[in-house]
Amino acid sequence: MTEDLASIVAFKQLMQRRDAVILNHALCAAARLKLADLLEQGPNTVAELGQELKVNEDALYRILRALASQGIFEETTHRTFQNSDLSRNLRTGFPGSVRPAFVFWGTELYNRSFEGMLYSIQTGEPAITKVLGMSEWDYMRQNPELAGIFDEAMTNFSTMQAPMIAAAYDFGAWESIMDVGGGNGILLSHLLKRFRNLRGVVADQPHVLERASQHGLLGGELASRSAMQECDFFREVPSGCRAYVMKNVIHDWDDGKTREILINCRRAVPANGALLLVEWSLSAANLPSVGKMSDLIMLVLTGGKERTLEEFQSLLASGGFRLNRVVPTASELAIFEALPT
């Protein structure tokens, strides 16, 4: 390949990468407009959709046309669209729906934080504190509607991931387990359903547990084997279980804060127990990776990070654990089984 031809190919490939940014904004707009919901009953014309949504018909067509070119929605006849396999996952209330996530990714919090990425590169600090003047958690505390959207997005992710996590590892071998930072209890509910001998506790902050009670995922047949306990893992992790699981918790925090969490976990985990971290494991291979993209979200939003195997080993050792094994799951997450030292 000549240098000129290589340059042309590289130019086209970089322009395609730019298109990913545009596609994300188009998806965020489609999610906010609930286009997939409006097409749930079958094909509809842009004219009818525009009238119902009270938006500009031509602009709506251009958005739908662009999304359909990527397999998101289908144009059945000129200016008439229906859902595709991909767009169906944008429906409201659909199990594992990504609609709340794309609504969140279209917010000021998310977009302005990424606009400040250069600040994060220069300082190593989360850009959100520069552009919005506060942490992600403080911002959401001041914006409860946004916090609800974020909570729904994380719930839907866990709805898809929890069965794969439960199927990959024998959680029942530990007999009792505490889900630290377990949110509304989705992961624990799947573990208790799969392992009938298992007892479990969701440990989280009071306002989170209040939402968990409203979800009611640990009620019914699971009520006799489950409990909720208030927890601030920077102060103390409750004792009383053999195994402790944390899913996508430590990636929110830098190494210093993560070490504090691990030390508190070590105080709670008995000598015959285990700590189970469910996280992305970054490969050294130069290959596409959801985890490597998530790492940039952590960089600008939380100050945390996704980690390599070696980084997990080092952090766990500093917290009083040794990494015993890494168990892959059908999702891109892995289970890091750590034993007390």
C-alpha atoms as a PDB file:
ATOM      1  CA  MET A   1       0.000   0.000   0.000  1.00  0.00           C
ATOM      2  CA  THR A   2       1.419   3.376  -0.997  1.00  0.00           C
ATOM      3  CA  GLU A   3       1.746   6.163   1.553  1.00  0.00           C
ATOM      4  CA  ASP A   4      -0.981   8.197  -0.194  1.00  0.00           C
ATOM      5  CA  LEU A   5      -3.416   5.265  -0.207  1.00  0.00           C
ATOM      6  CA  ALA A   6      -2.651   4.484   3.448  1.00  0.00           C
ATOM      7  CA  SER A   7      -3.378   8.114   4.306  1.00  0.00           C
ATOM      8  CA  ILE A   8      -6.740   7.956   2.523  1.00  0.00           C
ATOM      9  CA  VAL A   9      -7.682   4.742   4.350  1.00  0.00           C
ATOM     10  CA  ALA A  10      -6.639   6.253   7.692  1.00  0.00           C
ATOM     11  CA  PHE A  11      -8.659   9.399   6.953  1.00  0.00           C
ATOM     12  CA  LYS A  12     -11.793   7.364   6.237  1.00  0.00           C
ATOM     13  CA  GLN A  13     -11.339   5.264   9.371  1.00  0.00           C
ATOM     14  CA  LEU A  14     -10.903   8.329  11.575  1.00  0.00           C
ATOM     15  CA  MET A  15     -14.012   9.922  10.079  1.00  0.00           C
ATOM     16  CA  GLN A  16     -15.917   6.748  10.959  1.00  0.00           C
ATOM     17  CA  ARG A  17     -14.713   7.146  14.564  1.00  0.00           C
ATOM     18  CA  ARG A  18     -16.070  10.696  14.511  1.00  0.00           C
ATOM     19  CA  ASP A  19     -19.400   9.291  13.362  1.00  0.00           C
ATOM     20  CA  ALA A  20     -19.605   7.327  16.629  1.00  0.00           C
ATOM     21  CA  VAL A  21     -19.884  10.614  18.543  1.00  0.00           C
ATOM     22  CA  ILE A  22     -22.697  11.797  16.267  1.00  0.00           C
ATOM     23  CA  LEU A  23     -24.449   8.428  16.543  1.00  0.00           C
ATOM     24  CA  ASN A  24     -24.369   8.656  20.339  1.00  0.00           C
ATOM     25  CA  HIS A  25     -26.098  12.054  20.273  1.00  0.00           C
ATOM     26  CA  ALA A  26     -28.710  10.743  17.829  1.00  0.00           C
ATOM     27  CA  LEU A  27     -29.377   7.772  20.117  1.00  0.00           C
ATOM     28  CA  CYS A  28     -29.717  10.071  23.118  1.00  0.00           C
ATOM     29  CA  ALA A  29     -32.277  12.158  21.238  1.00  0.00           C
ATOM     30  CA  ALA A  30     -34.198   9.044  20.151  1.00  0.00           C
ATOM     31  CA  ALA A  31     -34.231   7.817  23.745  1.00  0.00           C
ATOM     32  CA  ARG A  32     -35.574  11.121  25.078  1.00  0.00           C
ATOM     33  CA  LEU A  33     -38.286  11.173  22.405  1.00  0.00           C
ATOM     34  CA  LYS A  34     -39.237   7.535  23.152  1.00  0.00           C
ATOM     35  CA  LEU A  35     -39.239   6.729  19.441  1.00  0.00           C
ATOM     36  CA  ALA A  36     -38.971   2.983  20.061  1.00  0.00           C
ATOM     37  CA  ASP A  37     -42.100   3.129  22.235  1.00  0.00           C
ATOM     38  CA  LEU A  38     -44.028   4.931  19.500  1.00  0.00           C
ATOM     39  CA  LEU A  39     -43.047   2.247  16.969  1.00  0.00           C
ATOM     40  CA  GLU A  40     -43.794  -0.696  19.254  1.00  0.00           C
ATOM     41  CA  GLN A  41     -47.133  -1.444  17.557  1.00  0.00           C
ATOM     42  CA  GLY A  42     -45.663  -1.440  14.049  1.00  0.00           C
ATOM     43  CA  PRO A  43     -44.519   0.884  11.234  1.00  0.00           C
ATOM     44  CA  ASN A  44     -45.423   4.547  11.344  1.00  0.00           C
ATOM     45  CA  THR A  45     -44.803   7.526   9.090  1.00  0.00           C
ATOM     46  CA  VAL A  46     -42.537  10.395  10.000  1.00  0.00           C
ATOM     47  CA  ALA A  47     -45.482  12.749   9.479  1.00  0.00           C
ATOM     48  CA  GLU A  48     -47.556  10.939  12.110  1.00  0.00           C
ATOM     49  CA  LEU A  49     -44.607  10.652  14.500  1.00  0.00           C
ATOM     50  CA  GLY A  50     -43.741  14.319  14.093  1.00  0.00           C
ATOM     51  CA  GLN A  51     -47.318  15.358  14.756  1.00  0.00           C
ATOM     52  CA  GLU A  52     -47.523  13.241  17.901  1.00  0.00           C
ATOM     53  CA  LEU A  53     -44.171  14.456  19.223  1.00  0.00           C
ATOM     54  CA  LYS A  54     -44.720  18.075  18.108  1.00  0.00           C
ATOM     55  CA  VAL A  55     -41.268  18.216  16.486  1.00  0.00           C
ATOM     56  CA  ASN A  56     -39.964  19.276  13.086  1.00  0.00           C
ATOM     57  CA  GLU A  57     -40.903  16.520  10.636  1.00  0.00           C
ATOM     58  CA  ASP A  58     -37.882  16.902   8.347  1.00  0.00           C
ATOM     59  CA  ALA A  59     -35.399  16.953  11.234  1.00  0.00           C
ATOM     60  CA  LEU A  60     -37.040  13.860  12.729  1.00  0.00           C
ATOM     61  CA  TYR A  61     -36.719  12.060   9.397  1.00  0.00           C
ATOM     62  CA  ARG A  62     -33.019  12.879   9.200  1.00  0.00           C
ATOM     63  CA  ILE A  63     -32.409  11.469  12.688  1.00  0.00           C
ATOM     64  CA  LEU A  64     -34.347   8.271  11.927  1.00  0.00           C
ATOM     65  CA  ARG A  65     -32.649   7.875   8.542  1.00  0.00           C
ATOM     66  CA  ALA A  66     -29.196   8.152  10.113  1.00  0.00           C
ATOM     67  CA  LEU A  67     -30.050   5.677  12.876  1.00  0.00           C
ATOM     68  CA  ALA A  68     -31.588   3.240  10.388  1.00  0.00           C
ATOM     69  CA  SER A  69     -28.336   3.307   8.405  1.00  0.00           C
ATOM     70  CA  GLN A  70     -26.701   1.805  11.514  1.00  0.00           C
ATOM     71  CA  GLY A  71     -29.354  -0.878  12.033  1.00  0.00           C
ATOM     72  CA  ILE A  72     -31.202   1.146  14.674  1.00  0.00           C
ATOM     73  CA  PHE A  73     -34.794   1.320  13.356  1.00  0.00           C
ATOM     74  CA  GLU A  74     -35.733   0.230   9.815  1.00  0.00           C
ATOM     75  CA  GLU A  75     -37.102   2.358   6.980  1.00  0.00           C
ATOM     76  CA  THR A  76     -39.735   0.065   5.444  1.00  0.00           C
ATOM     77  CA  THR A  77     -40.869   2.508   2.754  1.00  0.00           C
ATOM     78  CA  HIS A  78     -39.904   6.119   2.133  1.00  0.00           C
ATOM     79  CA  ARG A  79     -40.336   8.087   5.404  1.00  0.00           C
ATOM     80  CA  THR A  80     -41.978   5.147   7.171  1.00  0.00           C
ATOM     81  CA  PHE A  81     -40.100   3.412   9.993  1.00  0.00           C
ATOM     82  CA  GLN A  82     -40.415   0.439  12.310  1.00  0.00           C
ATOM     83  CA  ASN A  83     -38.350  -0.974  15.156  1.00  0.00           C
ATOM     84  CA  SER A  84     -35.329  -3.166  14.453  1.00  0.00           C
ATOM     85  CA  ASP A  85     -33.800  -5.752  16.786  1.00  0.00           C
ATOM     86  CA  LEU A  86     -31.481  -3.034  18.090  1.00  0.00           C
ATOM     87  CA  SER A  87     -34.052  -0.291  18.557  1.00  0.00           C
ATOM     88  CA  ARG A  88     -36.360  -2.613  20.512  1.00  0.00           C
ATOM     89  CA  ASN A  89     -33.851  -2.375  23.356  1.00  0.00           C
ATOM     90  CA  LEU A  90     -34.640   1.342  23.555  1.00  0.00           C
ATOM     91  CA  ARG A  91     -38.219   0.672  24.650  1.00  0.00           C
ATOM     92  CA  THR A  92     -39.371   1.862  28.067  1.00  0.00           C
ATOM     93  CA  GLY A  93     -39.838  -0.953  30.568  1.00  0.00           C
ATOM     94  CA  PHE A  94     -38.154  -3.538  28.339  1.00  0.00           C
ATOM     95  CA  PRO A  95     -36.016  -5.914  30.483  1.00  0.00           C
ATOM     96  CA  GLY A  96     -32.472  -4.652  30.162  1.00  0.00           C
ATOM     97  CA  SER A  97     -33.613  -1.548  28.256  1.00  0.00           C
ATOM     98  CA  VAL A  98     -30.773   0.823  27.424  1.00  0.00           C
ATOM     99  CA  ARG A  99     -33.147   3.788  27.112  1.00  0.00           C
ATOM    100  CA  PRO A 100     -32.411   5.205  30.607  1.00  0.00           C
ATOM    101  CA  ALA A 101     -28.674   4.899  29.934  1.00  0.00           C
ATOM    102  CA  PHE A 102     -28.905   6.886  26.699  1.00  0.00           C
ATOM    103  CA  VAL A 103     -31.084   9.492  28.408  1.00  0.00           C
ATOM    104  CA  PHE A 104     -28.360   9.806  31.074  1.00  0.00           C
ATOM    105  CA  TRP A 105     -25.602   9.948  28.445  1.00  0.00           C
ATOM    106  CA  GLY A 106     -27.401  12.889  26.878  1.00  0.00           C
ATOM    107  CA  THR A 107     -27.387  15.012  30.037  1.00  0.00           C
ATOM    108  CA  GLU A 108     -25.326  18.050  30.965  1.00  0.00           C
ATOM    109  CA  LEU A 109     -23.517  16.038  33.637  1.00  0.00           C
ATOM    110  CA  TYR A 110     -22.215  13.517  31.126  1.00  0.00           C
ATOM    111  CA  ASN A 111     -21.538  15.721  28.112  1.00  0.00           C
ATOM    112  CA  ARG A 112     -19.923  18.635  29.910  1.00  0.00           C
ATOM    113  CA  SER A 113     -17.684  16.223  31.811  1.00  0.00           C
ATOM    114  CA  PHE A 114     -16.367  14.816  28.543  1.00  0.00           C
ATOM    115  CA  GLU A 115     -15.911  18.332  27.185  1.00  0.00           C
ATOM    116  CA  GLY A 116     -13.472  18.748  30.076  1.00  0.00           C
ATOM    117  CA  MET A 117     -11.434  15.635  29.282  1.00  0.00           C
ATOM    118  CA  LEU A 118      -8.319  17.677  28.571  1.00  0.00           C
ATOM    119  CA  TYR A 119      -8.447  18.917  32.179  1.00  0.00           C
ATOM    120  CA  SER A 120      -8.515  15.299  33.385  1.00  0.00           C
ATOM    121  CA  ILE A 121      -5.532  14.450  31.182  1.00  0.00           C
ATOM    122  CA  GLN A 122      -3.588  17.443  32.455  1.00  0.00           C
ATOM    123  CA  THR A 123      -4.356  16.936  36.150  1.00  0.00           C
ATOM    124  CA  GLY A 124      -5.534  13.354  36.642  1.00  0.00           C
ATOM    125  CA  GLU A 125      -8.632  14.765  38.348  1.00  0.00           C
ATOM    126  CA  PRO A 126     -12.252  14.138  37.284  1.00  0.00           C
ATOM    127  CA  ALA A 127     -13.336  16.842  34.847  1.00  0.00           C
ATOM    128  CA  ILE A 128     -16.790  17.059  36.413  1.00  0.00           C
ATOM    129  CA  THR A 129     -15.386  18.887  39.439  1.00  0.00           C
ATOM    130  CA  LYS A 130     -13.940  21.528  37.096  1.00  0.00           C
ATOM    131  CA  VAL A 131     -16.933  22.016  34.783  1.00  0.00           C
ATOM    132  CA  LEU A 132     -19.787  21.560  37.270  1.00  0.00           C
ATOM    133  CA  GLY A 133     -18.033  22.411  40.524  1.00  0.00           C
ATOM    134  CA  MET A 134     -18.889  19.201  42.362  1.00  0.00           C
ATOM    135  CA  SER A 135     -18.607  15.421  42.249  1.00  0.00           C
ATOM    136  CA  GLU A 136     -20.972  13.214  40.253  1.00  0.00           C
ATOM    137  CA  TRP A 137     -22.569  11.969  43.486  1.00  0.00           C
ATOM    138  CA  ASP A 138     -23.126  15.489  44.855  1.00  0.00           C
ATOM    139  CA  TYR A 139     -24.589  16.614  41.532  1.00  0.00           C
ATOM    140  CA  MET A 140     -27.072  13.749  41.507  1.00  0.00           C
ATOM    141  CA  ARG A 141     -28.012  14.374  45.136  1.00  0.00           C
ATOM    142  CA  GLN A 142     -29.031  17.875  44.038  1.00  0.00           C
ATOM    143  CA  ASN A 143     -30.880  16.487  40.998  1.00  0.00           C
ATOM    144  CA  PRO A 144     -33.096  13.624  42.207  1.00  0.00           C
ATOM    145  CA  GLU A 145     -34.778  13.183  38.811  1.00  0.00           C
ATOM    146  CA  LEU A 146     -31.384  12.588  37.207  1.00  0.00           C
ATOM    147  CA  ALA A 147     -30.432  10.245  40.059  1.00  0.00           C
ATOM    148  CA  GLY A 148     -33.567   8.233  39.319  1.00  0.00           C
ATOM    149  CA  ILE A 149     -32.616   7.936  35.637  1.00  0.00           C
ATOM    150  CA  PHE A 150     -29.113   6.808  36.607  1.00  0.00           C
ATOM    151  CA  ASP A 151     -30.504   4.279  39.073  1.00  0.00           C
ATOM    152  CA  GLU A 152     -32.825   2.867  36.410  1.00  0.00           C
ATOM    153  CA  ALA A 153     -29.935   2.588  33.941  1.00  0.00           C
ATOM    154  CA  MET A 154     -27.748   0.717  36.439  1.00  0.00           C
ATOM    155  CA  THR A 155     -30.689  -1.511  37.371  1.00  0.00           C
ATOM    156  CA  ASN A 156     -31.215  -2.450  33.733  1.00  0.00           C
ATOM    157  CA  PHE A 157     -27.524  -3.214  33.238  1.00  0.00           C
ATOM    158  CA  SER A 158     -27.590  -5.487  36.289  1.00  0.00           C
ATOM    159  CA  THR A 159     -30.761  -7.156  35.022  1.00  0.00           C
ATOM    160  CA  MET A 160     -28.800  -8.319  31.982  1.00  0.00           C
ATOM    161  CA  GLN A 161     -25.534  -9.099  33.785  1.00  0.00           C
ATOM    162  CA  ALA A 162     -26.756 -10.766  36.999  1.00  0.00           C
ATOM    163  CA  PRO A 163     -27.874 -14.098  35.446  1.00  0.00           C
ATOM    164  CA  MET A 164     -24.498 -14.444  33.700  1.00  0.00           C
ATOM    165  CA  ILE A 165     -22.637 -13.694  36.924  1.00  0.00           C
ATOM    166  CA  ALA A 166     -24.744 -16.182  38.900  1.00  0.00           C
ATOM    167  CA  ALA A 167     -24.153 -18.891  36.286  1.00  0.00           C
ATOM    168  CA  ALA A 168     -20.374 -18.478  36.240  1.00  0.00           C
ATOM    169  CA  TYR A 169     -19.471 -19.124  39.888  1.00  0.00           C
ATOM    170  CA  ASP A 170     -20.579 -21.364  42.761  1.00  0.00           C
ATOM    171  CA  PHE A 171     -21.748 -18.665  45.159  1.00  0.00           C
ATOM    172  CA  GLY A 172     -23.673 -21.300  47.115  1.00  0.00           C
ATOM    173  CA  ALA A 173     -20.425 -22.772  48.413  1.00  0.00           C
ATOM    174  CA  TRP A 174     -20.149 -19.841  50.828  1.00  0.00           C
ATOM    175  CA  GLU A 175     -23.636 -20.332  52.365  1.00  0.00           C
ATOM    176  CA  SER A 176     -23.948 -16.630  53.276  1.00  0.00           C
ATOM    177  CA  ILE A 177     -23.080 -13.570  51.220  1.00  0.00           C
ATOM    178  CA  MET A 178     -23.229  -9.797  51.612  1.00  0.00           C
ATOM    179  CA  ASP A 179     -23.631  -7.608  48.522  1.00  0.00           C
ATOM    180  CA  VAL A 180     -21.759  -4.455  49.534  1.00  0.00           C
ATOM    181  CA  GLY A 181     -23.045  -1.450  47.612  1.00  0.00           C
ATOM    182  CA  GLY A 182     -25.698  -3.803  46.268  1.00  0.00           C
ATOM    183  CA  GLY A 183     -28.224  -1.140  45.303  1.00  0.00           C
ATOM    184  CA  ASN A 184     -31.751  -2.447  44.851  1.00  0.00           C
ATOM    185  CA  GLY A 185     -30.732  -6.080  45.268  1.00  0.00           C
ATOM    186  CA  ILE A 186     -30.890  -7.336  41.687  1.00  0.00           C
ATOM    187  CA  LEU A 187     -27.639  -9.319  41.847  1.00  0.00           C
ATOM    188  CA  LEU A 188     -28.467 -10.799  45.245  1.00  0.00           C
ATOM    189  CA  SER A 189     -31.965 -11.780  44.112  1.00  0.00           C
ATOM    190  CA  HIS A 190     -30.493 -13.752  41.207  1.00  0.00           C
ATOM    191  CA  LEU A 191     -27.962 -15.439  43.487  1.00  0.00           C
ATOM    192  CA  LEU A 192     -30.634 -16.460  45.998  1.00  0.00           C
ATOM    193  CA  LYS A 193     -32.883 -17.838  43.259  1.00  0.00           C
ATOM    194  CA  ARG A 194     -30.083 -19.907  41.765  1.00  0.00           C
ATOM    195  CA  PHE A 195     -28.538 -21.139  45.051  1.00  0.00           C
ATOM    196  CA  ARG A 196     -31.338 -22.275  47.358  1.00  0.00           C
ATOM    197  CA  ASN A 197     -28.994 -22.837  50.311  1.00  0.00           C
ATOM    198  CA  LEU A 198     -27.679 -19.284  50.214  1.00  0.00           C
ATOM    199  CA  ARG A 199     -28.579 -16.499  52.643  1.00  0.00           C
ATOM    200  CA  GLY A 200     -27.841 -12.928  51.672  1.00  0.00           C
ATOM    201  CA  VAL A 201     -27.675  -9.310  52.792  1.00  0.00           C
ATOM    202  CA  VAL A 202     -27.756  -6.135  50.716  1.00  0.00           C
ATOM    203  CA  ALA A 203     -25.583  -3.508  52.402  1.00  0.00           C
ATOM    204  CA  ASP A 204     -25.860   0.073  51.201  1.00  0.00           C
ATOM    205  CA  GLN A 205     -26.662   3.620  52.280  1.00  0.00           C
ATOM    206  CA  PRO A 206     -30.082   4.299  53.862  1.00  0.00           C
ATOM    207  CA  HIS A 207     -31.568   6.203  50.899  1.00  0.00           C
ATOM    208  CA  VAL A 208     -30.481   3.401  48.548  1.00  0.00           C
ATOM    209  CA  LEU A 209     -32.043   0.738  50.768  1.00  0.00           C
ATOM    210  CA  GLU A 210     -35.261   2.744  50.811  1.00  0.00           C
ATOM    211  CA  ARG A 211     -35.402   2.504  47.009  1.00  0.00           C
ATOM    212  CA  ALA A 212     -34.517  -1.191  47.244  1.00  0.00           C
ATOM    213  CA  SER A 213     -37.505  -1.776  49.516  1.00  0.00           C
ATOM    214  CA  GLN A 214     -39.735  -0.085  46.959  1.00  0.00           C
ATOM    215  CA  HIS A 215     -38.419  -2.363  44.201  1.00  0.00           C
ATOM    216  CA  GLY A 216     -39.296  -5.379  46.359  1.00  0.00           C
ATOM    217  CA  LEU A 217     -36.863  -7.727  44.600  1.00  0.00           C
ATOM    218  CA  LEU A 218     -35.993  -9.489  47.856  1.00  0.00           C
ATOM    219  CA  GLY A 219     -39.577 -10.035  48.961  1.00  0.00           C
ATOM    220  CA  GLY A 220     -41.832 -13.029  48.492  1.00  0.00           C
ATOM    221  CA  GLU A 221     -40.058 -16.369  48.582  1.00  0.00           C
ATOM    222  CA  LEU A 222     -36.680 -14.645  49.094  1.00  0.00           C
ATOM    223  CA  ALA A 223     -37.712 -12.694  52.192  1.00  0.00           C
ATOM    224  CA  SER A 224     -36.796 -15.480  54.631  1.00  0.00           C
ATOM    225  CA  ARG A 225     -33.252 -15.720  53.224  1.00  0.00           C
ATOM    226  CA  SER A 226     -32.494 -12.043  52.700  1.00  0.00           C
ATOM    227  CA  ALA A 227     -31.986  -8.874  54.693  1.00  0.00           C
ATOM    228  CA  MET A 228     -30.921  -5.265  54.253  1.00  0.00           C
ATOM    229  CA  GLN A 229     -28.312  -3.511  56.341  1.00  0.00           C
ATOM    230  CA  GLU A 230     -27.135   0.088  56.345  1.00  0.00           C
ATOM    231  CA  CYS A 231     -23.522   0.480  55.315  1.00  0.00           C
ATOM    232  CA  ASP A 232     -20.999   3.191  54.512  1.00  0.00           C
ATOM    233  CA  PHE A 233     -18.063   1.175  53.219  1.00  0.00           C
ATOM    234  CA  PHE A 234     -15.652   4.030  53.926  1.00  0.00           C
ATOM    235  CA  ARG A 235     -16.476   3.737  57.626  1.00  0.00           C
ATOM    236  CA  GLU A 236     -17.268   0.075  58.230  1.00  0.00           C
ATOM    237  CA  VAL A 237     -18.447  -3.023  56.387  1.00  0.00           C
ATOM    238  CA  PRO A 238     -20.815  -5.133  58.536  1.00  0.00           C
ATOM    239  CA  SER A 239     -19.651  -8.582  59.590  1.00  0.00           C
ATOM    240  CA  GLY A 240     -21.769 -11.724  59.676  1.00  0.00           C
ATOM    241  CA  CYS A 241     -21.330 -13.374  56.258  1.00  0.00           C
ATOM    242  CA  ARG A 242     -18.677 -15.677  54.826  1.00  0.00           C
ATOM    243  CA  ALA A 243     -18.474 -14.116  51.376  1.00  0.00           C
ATOM    244  CA  TYR A 244     -18.665 -10.469  50.365  1.00  0.00           C
ATOM    245  CA  VAL A 245     -19.396  -9.406  46.798  1.00  0.00           C
ATOM    246  CA  MET A 246     -18.970  -5.959  45.247  1.00  0.00           C
ATOM    247  CA  LYS A 247     -20.106  -5.409  41.669  1.00  0.00           C
ATOM    248  CA  ASN A 248     -18.798  -2.339  39.840  1.00  0.00           C
ATOM    249  CA  VAL A 249     -18.009  -0.598  43.113  1.00  0.00           C
ATOM    250  CA  ILE A 250     -14.262  -0.109  43.270  1.00  0.00           C
ATOM    251  CA  HIS A 251     -14.022   1.132  39.682  1.00  0.00           C
ATOM    252  CA  ASP A 252     -15.710   4.315  40.948  1.00  0.00           C
ATOM    253  CA  TRP A 253     -12.759   5.119  43.210  1.00  0.00           C
ATOM    254  CA  ASP A 254      -9.065   5.885  42.934  1.00  0.00           C
ATOM    255  CA  ASP A 255      -6.471   3.561  44.434  1.00  0.00           C
ATOM    256  CA  GLY A 256      -6.372   5.332  47.800  1.00  0.00           C
ATOM    257  CA  LYS A 257     -10.138   5.216  48.327  1.00  0.00           C
ATOM    258  CA  THR A 258     -10.299   1.657  47.000  1.00  0.00           C
ATOM    259  CA  ARG A 259      -7.669   0.605  49.529  1.00  0.00           C
ATOM    260  CA  GLU A 260      -9.831   2.051  52.330  1.00  0.00           C
ATOM    261  CA  ILE A 261     -12.807   0.007  51.102  1.00  0.00           C
ATOM    262  CA  LEU A 262     -10.736  -3.176  50.874  1.00  0.00           C
ATOM    263  CA  ILE A 263      -9.302  -2.727  54.372  1.00  0.00           C
ATOM    264  CA  ASN A 264     -12.815  -2.343  55.772  1.00  0.00           C
ATOM    265  CA  CYS A 265     -13.885  -5.443  53.862  1.00  0.00           C
ATOM    266  CA  ARG A 266     -10.935  -7.354  55.306  1.00  0.00           C
ATOM    267  CA  ARG A 267     -12.082  -6.507  58.829  1.00  0.00           C
ATOM    268  CA  ALA A 268     -15.466  -8.068  58.022  1.00  0.00           C
ATOM    269  CA  VAL A 269     -14.415 -11.128  56.011  1.00  0.00           C
ATOM    270  CA  PRO A 270     -13.718 -14.157  58.248  1.00  0.00           C
ATOM    271  CA  ALA A 271     -10.579 -16.263  57.885  1.00  0.00           C
ATOM    272  CA  ASN A 272     -12.558 -18.930  55.998  1.00  0.00           C
ATOM    273  CA  GLY A 273     -14.352 -16.385  53.816  1.00  0.00           C
ATOM    274  CA  ALA A 274     -13.768 -14.542  50.563  1.00  0.00           C
ATOM    275  CA  LEU A 275     -14.122 -11.202  48.840  1.00  0.00           C
ATOM    276  CA  LEU A 276     -15.591 -11.389  45.326  1.00  0.00           C
ATOM    277  CA  LEU A 277     -15.042  -8.368  43.096  1.00  0.00           C
ATOM    278  CA  VAL A 278     -17.107  -8.243  39.908  1.00  0.00           C
ATOM    279  CA  GLU A 279     -15.369  -5.836  37.567  1.00  0.00           C
ATOM    280  CA  TRP A 280     -13.921  -5.386  34.115  1.00  0.00           C
ATOM    281  CA  SER A 281     -10.385  -6.720  33.718  1.00  0.00           C
ATOM    282  CA  LEU A 282      -8.358  -4.676  31.274  1.00  0.00           C
ATOM    283  CA  SER A 283      -6.259  -6.696  28.862  1.00  0.00           C
ATOM    284  CA  ALA A 284      -2.807  -5.569  27.784  1.00  0.00           C
ATOM    285  CA  ALA A 285      -3.750  -6.558  24.231  1.00  0.00           C
ATOM    286  CA  ASN A 286      -4.377  -3.627  21.898  1.00  0.00           C
ATOM    287  CA  LEU A 287      -7.933  -4.702  21.091  1.00  0.00           C
ATOM    288  CA  PRO A 288     -11.352  -2.996  21.305  1.00  0.00           C
ATOM    289  CA  SER A 289     -12.677  -3.176  24.855  1.00  0.00           C
ATOM    290  CA  VAL A 290     -15.810  -1.936  26.607  1.00  0.00           C
ATOM    291  CA  GLY A 291     -13.713  -1.788  29.767  1.00  0.00           C
ATOM    292  CA  LYS A 292     -11.179   0.586  28.226  1.00  0.00           C
ATOM    293  CA  MET A 293     -13.981   2.936  27.184  1.00  0.00           C
ATOM    294  CA  SER A 294     -15.560   2.646  30.640  1.00  0.00           C
ATOM    295  CA  ASP A 295     -12.165   3.585  32.067  1.00  0.00           C
ATOM    296  CA  LEU A 296     -12.447   6.981  30.358  1.00  0.00           C
ATOM    297  CA  ILE A 297     -15.902   7.487  31.855  1.00  0.00           C
ATOM    298  CA  MET A 298     -14.357   6.847  35.265  1.00  0.00           C
ATOM    299  CA  LEU A 299     -11.560   9.295  34.445  1.00  0.00           C
ATOM    300  CA  VAL A 300     -13.839  12.264  33.763  1.00  0.00           C
ATOM    301  CA  LEU A 301     -16.802  11.454  36.032  1.00  0.00           C
ATOM    302  CA  THR A 302     -15.649   9.734  39.209  1.00  0.00           C
ATOM    303  CA  GLY A 303     -11.866   9.814  39.464  1.00  0.00           C
ATOM    304  CA  GLY A 304     -11.915   6.022  39.544  1.00  0.00           C
ATOM    305  CA  LYS A 305     -10.544   3.579  36.989  1.00  0.00           C
ATOM    306  CA  GLU A 306     -10.867   0.162  35.417  1.00  0.00           C
ATOM    307  CA  ARG A 307      -7.887  -2.049  36.226  1.00  0.00           C
ATOM    308  CA  THR A 308      -5.568  -4.710  34.872  1.00  0.00           C
ATOM    309  CA  LEU A 309      -4.998  -8.068  36.542  1.00  0.00           C
ATOM    310  CA  GLU A 310      -1.730  -6.818  38.000  1.00  0.00           C
ATOM    311  CA  GLU A 311      -3.410  -3.735  39.444  1.00  0.00           C
ATOM    312  CA  PHE A 312      -6.083  -5.883  41.084  1.00  0.00           C
ATOM    313  CA  GLN A 313      -3.409  -8.116  42.614  1.00  0.00           C
ATOM    314  CA  SER A 314      -1.502  -5.157  44.023  1.00  0.00           C
ATOM    315  CA  LEU A 315      -4.571  -3.410  45.440  1.00  0.00           C
ATOM    316  CA  LEU A 316      -5.938  -6.579  47.012  1.00  0.00           C
ATOM    317  CA  ALA A 317      -2.577  -7.289  48.645  1.00  0.00           C
ATOM    318  CA  SER A 318      -2.520  -3.788  50.142  1.00  0.00           C
ATOM    319  CA  GLY A 319      -5.969  -4.448  51.609  1.00  0.00           C
ATOM    320  CA  GLY A 320      -5.101  -7.781  53.230  1.00  0.00           C
ATOM    321  CA  PHE A 321      -6.169 -10.189  50.472  1.00  0.00           C
ATOM    322  CA  ARG A 322      -4.522 -12.400  47.885  1.00  0.00           C
ATOM    323  CA  LEU A 323      -6.078 -12.935  44.490  1.00  0.00           C
ATOM    324  CA  ASN A 324      -6.919 -16.636  44.290  1.00  0.00           C
ATOM    325  CA  ARG A 325      -8.451 -16.838  40.813  1.00  0.00           C
ATOM    326  CA  VAL A 326     -10.301 -14.887  38.150  1.00  0.00           C
ATOM    327  CA  VAL A 327     -13.531 -16.403  36.835  1.00  0.00           C
ATOM    328  CA  PRO A 328     -14.802 -15.115  33.475  1.00  0.00           C
ATOM    329  CA  THR A 329     -18.517 -14.644  32.868  1.00  0.00           C
ATOM    330  CA  ALA A 330     -20.600 -14.540  29.687  1.00  0.00           C
ATOM    331  CA  SER A 331     -20.701 -10.766  30.144  1.00  0.00           C
ATOM    332  CA  GLU A 332     -17.533  -8.690  29.835  1.00  0.00           C
ATOM    333  CA  LEU A 333     -17.247  -8.668  33.621  1.00  0.00           C
ATOM    334  CA  ALA A 334     -15.067 -11.110  35.547  1.00  0.00           C
ATOM    335  CA  ILE A 335     -15.237 -12.370  39.139  1.00  0.00           C
ATOM    336  CA  PHE A 336     -12.052 -11.784  41.139  1.00  0.00           C
ATOM    337  CA  GLU A 337     -12.000 -14.265  44.024  1.00  0.00           C
ATOM    338  CA  ALA A 338      -9.783 -12.929  46.813  1.00  0.00           C
ATOM    339  CA  LEU A 339      -8.970 -14.756  50.044  1.00  0.00           C
ATOM    340  CA  PRO A 340      -7.798 -13.222  53.341  1.00  0.00           C
ATOM    341  CA  THR A 341      -4.066 -13.288  54.046  1.00  0.00           C
END
